[in-house]
C-alpha atoms as a PDB file:
ATOM      1  CA  MET A   1     -14.699  26.053  77.377  1.00  0.00           C
ATOM      2  CA  ASN A   2     -11.374  24.149  76.083  1.00  0.00           C
ATOM      3  CA  ARG A   3     -13.613  21.179  77.081  1.00  0.00           C
ATOM      4  CA  LYS A   4     -15.903  21.594  74.768  1.00  0.00           C
ATOM      5  CA  ILE A   5     -13.843  22.793  71.649  1.00  0.00           C
ATOM      6  CA  LEU A   6     -11.794  19.762  72.101  1.00  0.00           C
ATOM      7  CA  MET A   7     -14.723  17.820  72.381  1.00  0.00           C
ATOM      8  CA  LEU A   8     -16.323  19.289  68.993  1.00  0.00           C
ATOM      9  CA  ALA A   9     -12.843  19.056  67.465  1.00  0.00           C
ATOM     10  CA  ALA A  10     -12.513  15.088  68.339  1.00  0.00           C
ATOM     11  CA  ILE A  11     -16.496  14.590  66.901  1.00  0.00           C
ATOM     12  CA  MET A  12     -15.411  16.465  63.385  1.00  0.00           C
ATOM     13  CA  ALA A  13     -12.714  14.347  63.119  1.00  0.00           C
ATOM     14  CA  ALA A  14     -14.448  11.080  63.641  1.00  0.00           C
ATOM     15  CA  ALA A  15     -17.600  12.022  61.484  1.00  0.00           C
ATOM     16  CA  PRO A  16     -15.792  11.305  57.996  1.00  0.00           C
ATOM     17  CA  GLY A  17     -14.802   7.969  59.522  1.00  0.00           C
ATOM     18  CA  PHE A  18     -18.327   7.106  60.689  1.00  0.00           C
ATOM     19  CA  ALA A  19     -19.684   8.313  57.252  1.00  0.00           C
ATOM     20  CA  ALA A  20     -17.210   6.305  54.864  1.00  0.00           C
ATOM     21  CA  GLY A  21     -18.259   2.963  57.237  1.00  0.00           C
ATOM     22  CA  ALA A  22     -21.553   3.459  55.831  1.00  0.00           C
ATOM     23  CA  SER A  23     -22.013   1.301  53.002  1.00  0.00           C
ATOM     24  CA  VAL A  24     -24.328   2.944  49.890  1.00  0.00           C
ATOM     25  CA  TYR A  25     -25.954   0.816  47.606  1.00  0.00           C
ATOM     26  CA  LYS A  26     -26.930   1.245  43.669  1.00  0.00           C
ATOM     27  CA  TRP A  27     -29.598  -0.606  41.985  1.00  0.00           C
ATOM     28  CA  THR A  28     -31.683  -0.252  38.854  1.00  0.00           C
ATOM     29  CA  ASP A  29     -35.614  -1.518  39.238  1.00  0.00           C
ATOM     30  CA  ASP A  30     -37.947  -2.836  36.884  1.00  0.00           C
ATOM     31  CA  SER A  31     -38.505   0.372  34.528  1.00  0.00           C
ATOM     32  CA  GLY A  32     -35.461   1.185  34.171  1.00  0.00           C
ATOM     33  CA  VAL A  33     -34.639   3.986  37.197  1.00  0.00           C
ATOM     34  CA  THR A  34     -31.733   3.921  39.352  1.00  0.00           C
ATOM     35  CA  HIS A  35     -31.780   4.312  42.894  1.00  0.00           C
ATOM     36  CA  PHE A  36     -29.062   5.179  45.454  1.00  0.00           C
ATOM     37  CA  GLY A  37     -29.805   3.680  49.553  1.00  0.00           C
ATOM     38  CA  ASP A  38     -28.095   2.855  52.549  1.00  0.00           C
ATOM     39  CA  ARG A  39     -29.725  -0.585  52.733  1.00  0.00           C
ATOM     40  CA  GLN A  40     -29.338  -3.467  50.150  1.00  0.00           C
ATOM     41  CA  PRO A  41     -32.890  -3.811  48.492  1.00  0.00           C
ATOM     42  CA  ASN A  42     -34.657  -7.050  48.549  1.00  0.00           C
ATOM     43  CA  GLY A  43     -34.797  -9.184  45.665  1.00  0.00           C
ATOM     44  CA  ALA A  44     -32.754  -6.929  43.355  1.00  0.00           C
ATOM     45  CA  SER A  45     -29.098  -7.148  42.481  1.00  0.00           C
ATOM     46  CA  ALA A  46     -27.125  -4.162  44.308  1.00  0.00           C
ATOM     47  CA  GLU A  47     -23.442  -2.473  43.824  1.00  0.00           C
ATOM     48  CA  ILE A  48     -21.743  -1.183  46.447  1.00  0.00           C
ATOM     49  CA  VAL A  49     -20.718   2.600  45.932  1.00  0.00           C
ATOM     50  CA  ASN A  50     -17.542   4.143  47.146  1.00  0.00           C
ATOM     51  CA  VAL A  51     -18.897   7.596  48.368  1.00  0.00           C
ATOM     52  CA  ARG A  52     -15.341   9.091  47.977  1.00  0.00           C
ATOM     53  CA  THR A  53     -14.661   8.198  44.399  1.00  0.00           C
ATOM     54  CA  GLY A  54     -18.520   7.565  43.003  1.00  0.00           C
ATOM     55  CA  LYS A  55     -17.102   4.383  41.552  1.00  0.00           C
ATOM     56  CA  SER A  56     -18.684   1.170  42.531  1.00  0.00           C
ATOM     57  CA  SER A  57     -16.922  -1.674  43.694  1.00  0.00           C
ATOM     58  CA  GLY A  58     -18.897  -4.375  42.191  1.00  0.00           C
ATOM     59  CA  GLY A  59     -18.029  -3.042  38.443  1.00  0.00           C
ATOM     60  CA  GLN A  60     -14.198  -3.348  39.055  1.00  0.00           C
ATOM     61  CA  ALA A  61     -14.455  -6.670  36.641  1.00  0.00           C
ATOM     62  CA  SER A  62     -15.880  -4.780  33.602  1.00  0.00           C
ATOM     63  CA  ARG A  63     -13.387  -1.837  34.058  1.00  0.00           C
ATOM     64  CA  VAL A  64     -11.012  -1.643  30.730  1.00  0.00           C
ATOM     65  CA  SER A  65      -7.065  -1.703  32.063  1.00  0.00           C
ATOM     66  CA  PRO A  66      -4.682   0.804  30.168  1.00  0.00           C
ATOM     67  CA  GLN A  67      -2.937  -2.185  28.594  1.00  0.00           C
ATOM     68  CA  GLN A  68      -6.367  -3.154  26.993  1.00  0.00           C
ATOM     69  CA  GLN A  69      -7.578   0.511  26.266  1.00  0.00           C
ATOM     70  CA  VAL A  70      -3.730   0.898  24.710  1.00  0.00           C
ATOM     71  CA  GLN A  71      -4.660  -2.148  22.509  1.00  0.00           C
ATOM     72  CA  GLU A  72      -8.172  -0.842  21.268  1.00  0.00           C
ATOM     73  CA  ILE A  73      -6.881   2.357  20.147  1.00  0.00           C
ATOM     74  CA  GLN A  74      -4.100   0.773  18.339  1.00  0.00           C
ATOM     75  CA  GLU A  75      -6.822  -1.691  16.934  1.00  0.00           C
ATOM     76  CA  ARG A  76      -8.943   1.288  15.779  1.00  0.00           C
ATOM     77  CA  GLN A  77      -5.738   3.293  14.085  1.00  0.00           C
ATOM     78  CA  GLN A  78      -4.726   0.021  12.283  1.00  0.00           C
ATOM     79  CA  ALA A  79      -8.595   0.202  11.102  1.00  0.00           C
ATOM     80  CA  GLU A  80      -8.526   3.614  10.206  1.00  0.00           C
ATOM     81  CA  THR A  81      -5.334   3.029   8.138  1.00  0.00           C
ATOM     82  CA  ARG A  82      -7.019   0.166   6.612  1.00  0.00           C
ATOM     83  CA  GLN A  83      -9.813   2.416   5.421  1.00  0.00           C
ATOM     84  CA  ARG A  84      -7.714   4.777   4.052  1.00  0.00           C
ATOM     85  CA  GLN A  85      -5.811   2.392   1.952  1.00  0.00           C
ATOM     86  CA  GLU A  86      -9.019   1.076   0.566  1.00  0.00           C
ATOM     87  CA  THR A  87     -10.179   4.457  -0.440  1.00  0.00           C
ATOM     88  CA  ALA A  88      -6.558   5.137  -1.975  1.00  0.00           C
ATOM     89  CA  GLN A  89      -7.018   2.049  -4.043  1.00  0.00           C
ATOM     90  CA  GLU A  90     -10.526   2.787  -4.944  1.00  0.00           C
ATOM     91  CA  GLU A  91      -9.094   6.581  -6.120  1.00  0.00           C
ATOM     92  CA  ALA A  92      -6.503   5.357  -7.913  1.00  0.00           C
ATOM     93  CA  LEU A  93      -8.585   2.614  -9.615  1.00  0.00           C
ATOM     94  CA  ARG A  94     -11.403   5.139 -10.505  1.00  0.00           C
ATOM     95  CA  LYS A  95      -8.273   7.396 -12.406  1.00  0.00           C
ATOM     96  CA  GLN A  96      -7.265   4.456 -14.462  1.00  0.00           C
ATOM     97  CA  ARG A  97     -10.767   3.235 -15.304  1.00  0.00           C
ATOM     98  CA  GLU A  98     -11.168   7.568 -16.563  1.00  0.00           C
ATOM     99  CA  ALA A  99      -7.917   7.218 -18.305  1.00  0.00           C
ATOM    100  CA  ASN A 100      -8.777   4.012 -19.739  1.00  0.00           C
ATOM    101  CA  CYS A 101     -12.264   5.219 -20.640  1.00  0.00           C
ATOM    102  CA  ALA A 102     -10.912   8.454 -22.536  1.00  0.00           C
ATOM    103  CA  THR A 103      -7.900   6.449 -24.249  1.00  0.00           C
ATOM    104  CA  ALA A 104     -11.068   3.827 -25.778  1.00  0.00           C
ATOM    105  CA  ARG A 105     -13.005   6.732 -26.855  1.00  0.00           C
ATOM    106  CA  SER A 106     -10.279   8.728 -28.391  1.00  0.00           C
ATOM    107  CA  ASN A 107      -9.619   5.437 -30.077  1.00  0.00           C
ATOM    108  CA  LEU A 108     -13.337   5.211 -31.187  1.00  0.00           C
ATOM    109  CA  ASP A 109     -13.350   8.501 -32.644  1.00  0.00           C
ATOM    110  CA  VAL A 110     -10.256   8.019 -34.705  1.00  0.00           C
ATOM    111  CA  ILE A 111     -11.399   5.120 -36.050  1.00  0.00           C
ATOM    112  CA  ASN A 112     -14.983   6.145 -36.651  1.00  0.00           C
ATOM    113  CA  SER A 113     -13.673   9.267 -39.083  1.00  0.00           C
ATOM    114  CA  ASN A 114     -10.453   8.418 -40.651  1.00  0.00           C
ATOM    115  CA  ALA A 115     -11.267   5.403 -43.558  1.00  0.00           C
ATOM    116  CA  ARG A 116      -7.831   4.328 -43.466  1.00  0.00           C
ATOM    117  CA  ILE A 117      -5.714   3.845 -41.236  1.00  0.00           C
ATOM    118  CA  ARG A 118      -2.119   3.367 -41.021  1.00  0.00           C
ATOM    119  CA  VAL A 119       0.280   1.574 -38.411  1.00  0.00           C
ATOM    120  CA  GLU A 120       3.890   0.582 -38.065  1.00  0.00           C
ATOM    121  CA  GLU A 121       5.171  -2.744 -38.016  1.00  0.00           C
ATOM    122  CA  ASN A 122       8.788  -4.136 -37.825  1.00  0.00           C
ATOM    123  CA  GLY A 123       9.787  -0.429 -38.757  1.00  0.00           C
ATOM    124  CA  GLU A 124       7.551  -0.188 -41.831  1.00  0.00           C
ATOM    125  CA  MET A 125       4.124   1.578 -42.270  1.00  0.00           C
ATOM    126  CA  ARG A 126       1.430   0.011 -43.758  1.00  0.00           C
ATOM    127  CA  TYR A 127      -2.259   0.278 -43.708  1.00  0.00           C
ATOM    128  CA  LEU A 128      -5.316  -1.476 -41.613  1.00  0.00           C
ATOM    129  CA  THR A 129      -7.372  -3.996 -43.659  1.00  0.00           C
ATOM    130  CA  PRO A 130     -11.604  -3.130 -42.774  1.00  0.00           C
ATOM    131  CA  GLU A 131     -11.228  -6.283 -40.874  1.00  0.00           C
ATOM    132  CA  GLU A 132      -8.606  -5.403 -38.700  1.00  0.00           C
ATOM    133  CA  ILE A 133     -10.268  -1.900 -38.463  1.00  0.00           C
ATOM    134  CA  GLU A 134     -13.269  -3.711 -37.155  1.00  0.00           C
ATOM    135  CA  GLU A 135     -11.660  -6.041 -35.076  1.00  0.00           C
ATOM    136  CA  GLN A 136      -9.736  -3.000 -33.558  1.00  0.00           C
ATOM    137  CA  ARG A 137     -13.215  -1.240 -33.280  1.00  0.00           C
ATOM    138  CA  LYS A 138     -14.628  -4.022 -31.006  1.00  0.00           C
ATOM    139  CA  LYS A 139     -11.722  -4.164 -28.914  1.00  0.00           C
ATOM    140  CA  PHE A 140     -11.935  -0.128 -28.176  1.00  0.00           C
ATOM    141  CA  GLU A 141     -16.218  -0.747 -27.748  1.00  0.00           C
ATOM    142  CA  GLU A 142     -15.450  -3.360 -25.085  1.00  0.00           C
ATOM    143  CA  VAL A 143     -12.649  -1.288 -23.241  1.00  0.00           C
ATOM    144  CA  ALA A 144     -15.071   1.538 -23.323  1.00  0.00           C
ATOM    145  CA  ALA A 145     -17.877  -0.731 -22.066  1.00  0.00           C
ATOM    146  CA  GLU A 146     -15.742  -1.821 -19.109  1.00  0.00           C
ATOM    147  CA  ASN A 147     -14.452   1.704 -18.093  1.00  0.00           C
ATOM    148  CA  CYS A 148     -16.909   4.308 -19.170  1.00  0.00           C
ATOM    149  CA  GLY A 149     -20.081   3.077 -16.788  1.00  0.00           C
ATOM    150  CA  PRO A 150     -20.622   3.279 -13.342  1.00  0.00           C
ATOM    151  CA  MET A 151     -18.245   0.810 -11.159  1.00  0.00           C
ATOM    152  CA  GLU A 152     -21.354  -1.310  -9.855  1.00  0.00           C
ATOM    153  CA  GLU A 153     -22.070  -2.064 -13.659  1.00  0.00           C
ATOM    154  CA  ARG A 154     -18.705  -3.350 -14.180  1.00  0.00           C
ATOM    155  CA  GLU A 155     -18.270  -5.293 -11.152  1.00  0.00           C
ATOM    156  CA  GLU A 156     -21.441  -6.911 -12.341  1.00  0.00           C
ATOM    157  CA  GLN A 157     -20.157  -7.736 -15.493  1.00  0.00           C
ATOM    158  CA  GLN A 158     -17.111  -9.253 -14.166  1.00  0.00           C
ATOM    159  CA  GLU A 159     -18.630 -11.794 -11.869  1.00  0.00           C
ATOM    160  CA  PRO A 160     -20.622 -14.062 -14.330  1.00  0.00           C
ATOM    161  CA  ALA A 161     -17.099 -14.203 -16.332  1.00  0.00           C
ATOM    162  CA  GLU A 162     -15.218 -15.055 -13.051  1.00  0.00           C
ATOM    163  CA  GLN A 163     -17.740 -17.890 -12.239  1.00  0.00           C
ATOM    164  CA  ARG A 164     -17.001 -19.816 -15.416  1.00  0.00           C
END
């Protein structure tokens, strides 16, 4: 009886070694179906799969090292930081445009409602001439046109001026 138990224990101890010695192959056929088998297929490239870990031995070169993973994470974080900075800059530009628009419209309202406009120059008060008032009106209309419209229109208006 001891002999049978001893033989059974020896077989059980050796069984994983026999299984580990066998190769398992993984391949994908022409229709995209993945197959596993104990024999390498004819006419198809196959990877040897480590049965214990479930990882293929042929895919070692395509595996990303921890250093590369850290570098990719850092690059993603830098890209996200740049994106946040660009968004913050766009937000600041939008707020500045809104303030410029409000100021230009307010100044246009003052110019259009008052016949006489008084300004201070060199510590003395004086009234603007009709020509000066018209010049100021045109200037404020330009500022309002630049800042009160959608951002895309403003950029399109600037492109031809920059190309000159």
